[in-house]
């Protein structure tokens, strides 16, 4: 990236104001006794950060964390490209692979002894932070295991199974789930299984062992495994089991609040964003059970240490402490991050009955989902590929294209985008 003179002067002034260190690395952000960290709201436990802000154990450093607002990734990449005011530690979302082309801007955590901790983490989560060249760029934070959320009161009214194990047995795969949804809709008119077709597609994709690219760069997003998810999503629409409440609209909350969304395949974090936020009065009516079609994962984040870090050993001591099994239990309580350390699933803090789910211990469902998820490969191009495909599915939902036409158009758009960025 080329900086303008104005931008360079601005960065220089900001560096002076921020106390850009003159020791070790001239490019790192913060004072010499500080390790700086960028993240976003809701990504860490405030109490743990408060402890680290006083002192990072085993070092002479303390933590200075900044929550970055919108355009987080752009700001991180801009900082790295400018090689100035670079934070020592950065958080990354589940699009961690999009940073792989910049892996040389981060310290290979293999060199800091990360492998000694590997057995404490979910294997698939651990692998997601490692590039195809075996460079460990990112350390595991939380995960997003999936489950089937359902309204027990609606199921009872429809004379359907109501207990989690019984519902899981009745909806063991997508076919039986759709059949169950048809019965639910007939008995309780207006009931749906998803807010929109994009959700159905994304959660179906989250169960796949393969996604859009292979680690050696081959495009497989036109394969049978993607087409199957595509067709299933379109079938949900055809059966009238989607609310057609499109993403980033208030309609998404409305279908939870008005009770139309009687069941939903979602990640663990949806509990907070969905019913607890949009329909608090439904407390006690929700339950969760195993996901139809098998375990999936959507979401979860990572921490990485930039190559400009003033003290990589202290930074690694901090992130491995923050993401220890004990501390991930704290992060589950606040801000509701589901651990990547299976030992945490046995922690009493996670095993309290949840009144919102009728006293169910939801960790039993999400913990099993996290352990059963087989993992997959995310490529740096997944966002580029997924965006036009989802856009075409929306065309199906609003009735402007048939599933086959939308598939052909989506694949053509993907080919153009991948060609444009030199991926194929």
Protein backbone atom coordinates (compact mmCIF):
# COMPACT_ATOMS: atom_id res chain seq x y z
CA UNK A 1 0.00 0.00 0.00
CA UNK A 2 1.25 3.50 -0.83
CA UNK A 3 0.66 6.19 1.75
CA UNK A 4 0.01 9.76 0.73
CA UNK A 5 2.22 12.49 2.22
CA UNK A 6 -0.75 13.70 4.23
CA UNK A 7 -1.37 10.19 5.46
CA UNK A 8 2.29 9.73 6.34
CA UNK A 9 2.42 12.99 8.28
CA UNK A 10 -0.78 12.07 10.02
CA UNK A 11 0.58 8.73 11.03
CA UNK A 12 3.83 10.30 12.22
CA UNK A 13 1.98 12.79 14.37
CA UNK A 14 -0.23 10.06 15.73
CA UNK A 15 2.84 7.97 16.46
CA UNK A 16 4.34 10.73 18.53
CA UNK A 17 1.07 11.22 20.36
CA UNK A 18 0.72 7.52 21.00
CA UNK A 19 4.25 7.16 22.31
CA UNK A 20 5.67 5.12 19.44
CA UNK A 21 8.48 3.22 20.99
CA UNK A 22 12.08 3.98 20.05
CA UNK A 23 13.40 0.68 21.43
CA UNK A 24 13.16 -2.75 19.87
CA UNK A 25 10.83 -2.01 16.95
CA UNK A 26 10.29 1.58 15.84
CA UNK A 27 7.04 0.48 14.16
CA UNK A 28 5.16 -0.82 17.16
CA UNK A 29 2.39 1.09 18.84
CA UNK A 30 2.53 2.09 22.49
CA UNK A 31 5.06 2.83 25.20
CA UNK A 32 8.02 0.58 25.87
CA UNK A 33 6.36 -1.01 28.90
CA UNK A 34 3.08 -1.63 27.05
CA UNK A 35 1.82 -4.38 24.79
CA UNK A 36 -0.93 -2.94 22.62
CA UNK A 37 -3.88 -4.99 21.44
CA UNK A 38 -6.64 -4.27 18.95
CA UNK A 39 -9.94 -6.04 19.10
CA UNK A 40 -13.66 -5.30 18.90
CA UNK A 41 -16.52 -4.96 21.38
CA UNK A 42 -17.63 -8.23 22.91
CA UNK A 43 -14.48 -10.19 22.10
CA UNK A 44 -12.86 -10.51 25.54
CA UNK A 45 -13.71 -10.62 29.23
CA UNK A 46 -13.25 -7.17 30.74
CA UNK A 47 -12.13 -8.50 34.13
CA UNK A 48 -9.28 -10.45 32.58
CA UNK A 49 -8.20 -7.47 30.51
CA UNK A 50 -8.23 -5.34 33.65
CA UNK A 51 -5.82 -7.77 35.30
CA UNK A 52 -3.47 -7.69 32.31
CA UNK A 53 -3.60 -3.92 32.15
CA UNK A 54 -1.84 -3.85 35.51
CA UNK A 55 0.79 -6.45 34.68
CA UNK A 56 1.35 -9.38 32.34
CA UNK A 57 2.60 -12.23 34.46
CA UNK A 58 6.24 -13.17 33.97
CA UNK A 59 7.13 -9.94 32.19
CA UNK A 60 7.72 -6.24 32.79
CA UNK A 61 4.88 -5.36 30.39
CA UNK A 62 1.27 -4.37 30.84
CA UNK A 63 -1.59 -4.50 28.34
CA UNK A 64 -3.18 -1.54 26.61
CA UNK A 65 -6.26 -2.73 24.71
CA UNK A 66 -8.20 -0.68 22.17
CA UNK A 67 -11.61 -1.65 20.83
CA UNK A 68 -11.68 -0.69 17.17
CA UNK A 69 -15.03 0.27 15.69
CA UNK A 70 -16.18 -0.28 12.13
CA UNK A 71 -13.89 -1.43 9.30
CA UNK A 72 -11.77 -3.38 11.78
CA UNK A 73 -9.95 -5.57 9.28
CA UNK A 74 -9.26 -2.66 6.96
CA UNK A 75 -7.66 -0.76 9.81
CA UNK A 76 -5.50 -3.73 10.78
CA UNK A 77 -4.33 -4.32 7.21
CA UNK A 78 -3.72 -0.60 6.69
CA UNK A 79 -1.58 -0.49 9.81
CA UNK A 80 0.43 -3.51 8.66
CA UNK A 81 0.88 -2.10 5.17
CA UNK A 82 2.03 1.23 6.58
CA UNK A 83 4.47 -0.54 8.93
CA UNK A 84 3.78 2.13 11.49
CA UNK A 85 1.66 2.26 14.62
CA UNK A 86 1.20 -1.47 14.39
CA UNK A 87 -0.33 -3.03 17.51
CA UNK A 88 1.57 -5.87 19.16
CA UNK A 89 -1.47 -8.16 19.24
CA UNK A 90 -4.55 -8.24 17.02
CA UNK A 91 -7.76 -10.22 17.19
CA UNK A 92 -9.10 -11.93 14.08
CA UNK A 93 -12.57 -13.20 13.34
CA UNK A 94 -13.48 -16.49 11.68
CA UNK A 95 -12.22 -15.02 8.40
CA UNK A 96 -8.71 -15.63 9.71
CA UNK A 97 -7.72 -17.17 6.36
CA UNK A 98 -8.13 -13.82 4.64
CA UNK A 99 -5.00 -12.76 6.56
CA UNK A 100 -2.98 -15.73 5.24
CA UNK A 101 -1.57 -13.72 2.27
CA UNK A 102 -0.07 -11.43 4.95
CA UNK A 103 1.21 -14.24 7.16
CA UNK A 104 4.75 -12.87 7.03
CA UNK A 105 3.48 -9.86 8.99
CA UNK A 106 2.86 -12.10 12.00
CA UNK A 107 5.10 -14.17 14.23
CA UNK A 108 4.94 -17.92 13.65
CA UNK A 109 3.59 -19.11 16.99
CA UNK A 110 5.34 -22.44 16.51
CA UNK A 111 8.54 -20.56 17.37
CA UNK A 112 7.12 -19.40 20.70
CA UNK A 113 6.26 -22.89 21.95
CA UNK A 114 2.59 -22.96 20.96
CA UNK A 115 2.73 -26.67 20.17
CA UNK A 116 3.16 -27.43 23.88
CA UNK A 117 -0.43 -26.23 24.38
CA UNK A 118 -2.01 -27.87 21.33
CA UNK A 119 -3.59 -30.79 23.21
CA UNK A 120 -5.70 -28.37 25.29
CA UNK A 121 -7.64 -27.08 22.26
CA UNK A 122 -10.10 -28.47 19.74
CA UNK A 123 -7.97 -29.88 16.95
CA UNK A 124 -10.03 -28.36 14.12
CA UNK A 125 -9.93 -24.94 15.76
CA UNK A 126 -6.18 -25.15 16.19
CA UNK A 127 -5.70 -25.99 12.50
CA UNK A 128 -7.73 -23.00 11.33
CA UNK A 129 -5.00 -20.64 12.51
CA UNK A 130 -2.28 -22.44 10.54
CA UNK A 131 -1.50 -21.56 6.92
CA UNK A 132 -1.13 -24.23 4.22
CA UNK A 133 2.63 -23.58 4.55
CA UNK A 134 2.41 -24.69 8.22
CA UNK A 135 2.93 -21.23 9.66
CA UNK A 136 0.89 -20.84 12.86
CA UNK A 137 -0.40 -17.33 12.43
CA UNK A 138 -3.25 -17.23 14.95
CA UNK A 139 -4.07 -18.65 18.38
CA UNK A 140 -7.55 -20.05 19.21
CA UNK A 141 -10.10 -17.95 21.06
CA UNK A 142 -13.78 -18.92 21.00
CA UNK A 143 -15.86 -21.11 18.70
CA UNK A 144 -19.37 -21.10 17.21
CA UNK A 145 -20.78 -24.64 17.46
CA UNK A 146 -24.28 -25.08 16.07
CA UNK A 147 -27.47 -26.61 17.41
CA UNK A 148 -31.18 -26.67 16.62
CA UNK A 149 -33.00 -24.02 18.63
CA UNK A 150 -36.73 -24.65 18.92
CA UNK A 151 -39.80 -23.36 20.70
CA UNK A 152 -41.02 -26.13 23.00
CA UNK A 153 -44.45 -24.48 23.37
CA UNK A 154 -44.94 -24.37 19.59
CA UNK A 155 -43.87 -27.98 19.19
CA UNK A 156 -46.25 -29.05 21.96
CA UNK A 157 -49.09 -27.20 20.28
CA UNK A 158 -48.30 -29.03 17.04
CA UNK A 159 -48.23 -32.38 18.86
CA UNK A 160 -44.57 -32.84 17.92
CA UNK A 161 -41.78 -34.21 20.14
CA UNK A 162 -40.81 -31.63 22.75
CA UNK A 163 -37.82 -32.99 24.64
CA UNK A 164 -34.34 -32.34 23.16
CA UNK A 165 -33.35 -35.96 22.61
CA UNK A 166 -36.72 -36.75 21.01
CA UNK A 167 -36.58 -33.70 18.72
CA UNK A 168 -33.03 -34.59 17.70
CA UNK A 169 -34.18 -38.09 16.79
CA UNK A 170 -37.18 -36.80 14.82
CA UNK A 171 -35.00 -34.29 12.92
CA UNK A 172 -31.79 -36.20 12.46
CA UNK A 173 -31.07 -34.77 9.01
CA UNK A 174 -32.28 -31.94 6.78
CA UNK A 175 -34.89 -34.09 5.05
CA UNK A 176 -36.57 -35.12 8.30
CA UNK A 177 -36.16 -31.56 9.62
CA UNK A 178 -38.06 -30.16 6.65
CA UNK A 179 -40.79 -32.78 7.07
CA UNK A 180 -41.06 -31.82 10.73
CA UNK A 181 -41.29 -28.19 9.68
CA UNK A 182 -44.16 -28.97 7.31
CA UNK A 183 -46.10 -30.60 10.16
CA UNK A 184 -45.37 -27.64 12.39
CA UNK A 185 -46.54 -25.17 9.76
CA UNK A 186 -49.75 -27.12 9.20
CA UNK A 187 -50.57 -27.25 12.93
CA UNK A 188 -49.35 -23.73 13.77
CA UNK A 189 -49.88 -21.62 10.62
CA UNK A 190 -47.14 -19.12 9.86
CA UNK A 191 -44.40 -21.11 11.57
CA UNK A 192 -41.04 -21.19 9.78
CA UNK A 193 -37.65 -22.87 10.21
CA UNK A 194 -35.40 -20.04 9.11
CA UNK A 195 -35.45 -16.27 8.88
CA UNK A 196 -34.14 -16.30 5.31
CA UNK A 197 -32.48 -18.45 2.68
CA UNK A 198 -29.01 -17.08 3.45
CA UNK A 199 -29.19 -18.49 6.97
CA UNK A 200 -30.27 -21.90 5.71
CA UNK A 201 -27.40 -21.92 3.21
CA UNK A 202 -24.71 -20.68 5.60
CA UNK A 203 -25.62 -23.17 8.31
CA UNK A 204 -25.81 -26.00 5.79
CA UNK A 205 -22.37 -24.96 4.57
CA UNK A 206 -21.10 -24.86 8.15
CA UNK A 207 -21.59 -28.63 8.35
CA UNK A 208 -19.50 -29.45 5.30
CA UNK A 209 -16.08 -31.06 5.43
CA UNK A 210 -15.13 -29.08 2.33
CA UNK A 211 -16.01 -25.53 1.36
CA UNK A 212 -14.96 -23.54 -1.69
CA UNK A 213 -11.24 -24.13 -2.21
CA UNK A 214 -8.66 -26.83 -1.51
CA UNK A 215 -5.49 -25.94 0.41
CA UNK A 216 -3.53 -26.15 -2.85
CA UNK A 217 -5.75 -23.52 -4.48
CA UNK A 218 -8.27 -25.53 -6.52
CA UNK A 219 -11.79 -24.11 -6.76
CA UNK A 220 -14.38 -26.70 -5.70
CA UNK A 221 -17.27 -24.34 -4.97
CA UNK A 222 -19.07 -25.71 -8.02
CA UNK A 223 -18.98 -29.25 -6.64
CA UNK A 224 -21.77 -31.55 -5.56
CA UNK A 225 -21.29 -30.78 -1.85
CA UNK A 226 -22.09 -27.09 -2.44
CA UNK A 227 -24.89 -27.83 -4.88
CA UNK A 228 -26.51 -30.11 -2.32
CA UNK A 229 -26.52 -27.33 0.29
CA UNK A 230 -27.85 -24.97 -2.38
CA UNK A 231 -30.71 -27.28 -3.33
CA UNK A 232 -31.65 -27.94 0.28
CA UNK A 233 -31.81 -24.21 0.98
CA UNK A 234 -34.03 -23.71 -2.05
CA UNK A 235 -36.25 -26.56 -0.88
CA UNK A 236 -36.80 -24.79 2.45
CA UNK A 237 -38.06 -21.83 0.42
CA UNK A 238 -40.22 -23.98 -1.83
CA UNK A 239 -41.94 -25.55 1.20
CA UNK A 240 -42.74 -22.12 2.61
CA UNK A 241 -40.53 -22.61 5.65
CA UNK A 242 -38.58 -19.35 5.40
CA UNK A 243 -39.84 -16.01 6.72
CA UNK A 244 -38.17 -14.10 3.85
CA UNK A 245 -36.79 -11.69 6.48
CA UNK A 246 -33.61 -10.57 4.78
CA UNK A 247 -30.32 -10.02 6.56
CA UNK A 248 -29.46 -6.65 8.09
CA UNK A 249 -33.12 -5.68 8.42
CA UNK A 250 -35.29 -5.36 11.51
CA UNK A 251 -37.47 -8.08 10.02
CA UNK A 252 -34.95 -10.62 11.30
CA UNK A 253 -35.71 -9.67 14.91
CA UNK A 254 -39.41 -9.33 14.17
CA UNK A 255 -39.84 -12.98 13.19
CA UNK A 256 -38.31 -14.03 16.50
CA UNK A 257 -40.40 -11.56 18.45
CA UNK A 258 -43.70 -12.39 16.79
CA UNK A 259 -43.17 -16.12 17.26
CA UNK A 260 -43.07 -17.13 13.59
CA UNK A 261 -39.55 -18.51 13.95
CA UNK A 262 -40.45 -21.68 15.82
CA UNK A 263 -37.13 -23.42 15.11
CA UNK A 264 -33.76 -22.34 13.82
CA UNK A 265 -30.40 -23.95 13.15
CA UNK A 266 -27.96 -21.50 14.64
CA UNK A 267 -24.57 -21.05 16.28
CA UNK A 268 -24.27 -20.75 20.04
CA UNK A 269 -23.98 -16.96 19.84
CA UNK A 270 -27.42 -16.74 18.21
CA UNK A 271 -28.98 -17.39 21.62
CA UNK A 272 -27.95 -13.92 22.71
CA UNK A 273 -28.42 -12.09 19.42
CA UNK A 274 -31.68 -13.87 18.61
CA UNK A 275 -34.28 -14.82 21.22
CA UNK A 276 -32.64 -13.35 24.34
CA UNK A 277 -32.33 -9.98 22.65
CA UNK A 278 -35.34 -9.92 20.34
CA UNK A 279 -37.86 -11.88 22.40
CA UNK A 280 -36.97 -11.86 26.10
CA UNK A 281 -40.60 -12.59 26.96
CA UNK A 282 -40.16 -16.08 25.46
CA UNK A 283 -37.86 -17.02 28.33
CA UNK A 284 -38.43 -20.63 29.31
CA UNK A 285 -39.97 -21.66 25.98
CA UNK A 286 -36.76 -22.36 24.07
CA UNK A 287 -34.72 -25.56 23.97
CA UNK A 288 -31.69 -26.73 22.00
CA UNK A 289 -30.76 -30.12 20.58
CA UNK A 290 -28.29 -31.64 18.13
CA UNK A 291 -28.18 -30.06 14.66
CA UNK A 292 -30.05 -31.91 11.90
CA UNK A 293 -27.44 -33.34 9.54
CA UNK A 294 -24.55 -33.21 11.99
CA UNK A 295 -22.40 -30.77 13.90
CA UNK A 296 -21.37 -27.47 12.35
CA UNK A 297 -19.50 -24.36 13.33
CA UNK A 298 -20.06 -20.76 12.39
CA UNK A 299 -17.98 -18.02 13.95
CA UNK A 300 -15.22 -17.91 16.50
CA UNK A 301 -12.08 -15.81 16.68
CA UNK A 302 -8.30 -15.78 17.11
CA UNK A 303 -5.38 -13.75 18.40
CA UNK A 304 -2.16 -13.08 16.49
CA UNK A 305 1.14 -11.39 17.35
CA UNK A 306 2.49 -9.01 14.75
CA UNK A 307 6.12 -9.11 13.70
CA UNK A 308 6.47 -5.57 15.06
CA UNK A 309 5.73 -6.74 18.60
CA UNK A 310 8.03 -5.26 21.24
CA UNK A 311 8.16 -8.46 23.32
CA UNK A 312 6.84 -11.58 21.53
CA UNK A 313 7.46 -13.86 24.52
CA UNK A 314 5.42 -11.61 26.81
CA UNK A 315 2.70 -11.34 24.15
CA UNK A 316 2.48 -15.11 23.86
CA UNK A 317 2.40 -15.47 27.64
CA UNK A 318 -0.54 -13.09 27.66
CA UNK A 319 -2.62 -14.67 24.89
CA UNK A 320 -2.03 -18.21 26.16
CA UNK A 321 -3.09 -17.06 29.65
CA UNK A 322 -6.13 -15.21 28.33
CA UNK A 323 -7.25 -18.25 26.33
CA UNK A 324 -6.48 -20.88 28.98
CA UNK A 325 -9.27 -23.32 29.87
CA UNK A 326 -9.88 -21.54 33.17
CA UNK A 327 -10.14 -18.08 31.66
CA UNK A 328 -12.29 -19.20 28.72
CA UNK A 329 -14.88 -20.17 31.34
CA UNK A 330 -14.93 -16.54 32.45
CA UNK A 331 -15.33 -15.42 28.84
CA UNK A 332 -18.32 -17.74 28.47
CA UNK A 333 -20.09 -15.97 31.32
CA UNK A 334 -19.21 -12.57 29.87
CA UNK A 335 -19.34 -11.87 26.95
CA UNK A 336 -20.83 -15.31 26.09
CA UNK A 337 -17.91 -16.70 24.10
CA UNK A 338 -18.01 -20.47 23.67
CA UNK A 339 -14.65 -22.04 24.60
CA UNK A 340 -12.21 -23.74 22.25
CA UNK A 341 -10.80 -25.72 25.20
CA UNK A 342 -12.88 -28.91 25.80
CA UNK A 343 -11.79 -29.09 29.45
CA UNK A 344 -13.80 -25.92 30.03
CA UNK A 345 -17.02 -27.75 29.17
CA UNK A 346 -16.73 -29.50 32.54
CA UNK A 347 -16.27 -26.26 34.45
CA UNK A 348 -19.13 -25.62 36.91
CA UNK A 349 -19.44 -22.10 35.49
CA UNK A 350 -20.69 -23.57 32.21
CA UNK A 351 -22.91 -26.20 33.76
CA UNK A 352 -25.46 -24.00 35.42
CA UNK A 353 -29.03 -24.57 34.17
CA UNK A 354 -30.12 -21.77 31.83
CA UNK A 355 -33.59 -20.40 32.78
CA UNK A 356 -34.07 -19.02 29.27
CA UNK A 357 -33.94 -22.60 28.00
CA UNK A 358 -36.24 -23.99 30.66
CA UNK A 359 -33.35 -24.92 32.93
CA UNK A 360 -31.55 -26.92 30.25
CA UNK A 361 -27.75 -27.18 30.49
CA UNK A 362 -27.03 -25.97 26.99
CA UNK A 363 -23.31 -26.72 27.29
CA UNK A 364 -24.23 -30.40 26.97
CA UNK A 365 -25.49 -29.75 23.42
CA UNK A 366 -22.98 -27.16 22.25
CA UNK A 367 -20.01 -28.94 23.84
CA UNK A 368 -20.84 -32.13 21.98
CA UNK A 369 -21.33 -30.15 18.79
CA UNK A 370 -17.93 -28.48 19.16
CA UNK A 371 -16.21 -31.81 19.77
CA UNK A 372 -18.03 -33.59 16.93
CA UNK A 373 -17.46 -30.90 14.29
CA UNK A 374 -15.01 -32.37 11.76
CA UNK A 375 -13.44 -29.08 10.70
CA UNK A 376 -12.80 -27.80 7.20
CA UNK A 377 -10.45 -25.61 5.23
CA UNK A 378 -11.21 -21.90 4.91
CA UNK A 379 -9.40 -20.19 2.04
CA UNK A 380 -8.47 -16.51 1.75
CA UNK A 381 -11.11 -16.28 -1.00
CA UNK A 382 -14.14 -17.68 0.83
CA UNK A 383 -15.73 -14.27 1.29
CA UNK A 384 -15.21 -13.41 -2.38
CA UNK A 385 -16.88 -16.67 -3.34
CA UNK A 386 -19.67 -16.71 -0.78
CA UNK A 387 -20.95 -13.20 -1.37
CA UNK A 388 -22.22 -13.64 -4.96
CA UNK A 389 -23.62 -17.10 -4.21
CA UNK A 390 -25.68 -15.80 -1.29
CA UNK A 391 -26.81 -12.83 -3.39
CA UNK A 392 -28.10 -15.23 -6.03
CA UNK A 393 -29.93 -17.28 -3.40
CA UNK A 394 -31.70 -14.11 -2.29
CA UNK A 395 -32.85 -13.75 -5.90
CA UNK A 396 -34.42 -17.19 -5.58
CA UNK A 397 -36.16 -16.26 -2.34
CA UNK A 398 -37.64 -13.06 -3.73
CA UNK A 399 -38.77 -14.94 -6.83
CA UNK A 400 -36.68 -13.22 -9.48
CA UNK A 401 -34.73 -16.34 -10.53
CA UNK A 402 -35.11 -20.09 -10.53
CA UNK A 403 -32.60 -22.10 -8.45
CA UNK A 404 -30.87 -23.37 -11.60
CA UNK A 405 -30.57 -19.91 -13.18
CA UNK A 406 -29.31 -18.43 -9.93
CA UNK A 407 -26.73 -21.24 -9.62
CA UNK A 408 -25.41 -20.62 -13.14
CA UNK A 409 -25.26 -16.88 -12.62
CA UNK A 410 -23.64 -17.26 -9.22
CA UNK A 411 -20.92 -19.56 -10.55
CA UNK A 412 -20.22 -17.15 -13.40
CA UNK A 413 -19.86 -14.27 -10.96
CA UNK A 414 -17.53 -16.33 -8.77
CA UNK A 415 -15.35 -17.19 -11.77
CA UNK A 416 -15.06 -13.53 -12.69
CA UNK A 417 -14.14 -12.52 -9.14
CA UNK A 418 -11.55 -15.27 -8.70
CA UNK A 419 -10.02 -14.41 -12.06
CA UNK A 420 -9.92 -10.74 -11.14
CA UNK A 421 -7.93 -11.41 -7.95
CA UNK A 422 -5.70 -13.98 -9.63
CA UNK A 423 -6.93 -16.94 -7.60
CA UNK A 424 -7.65 -19.09 -10.66
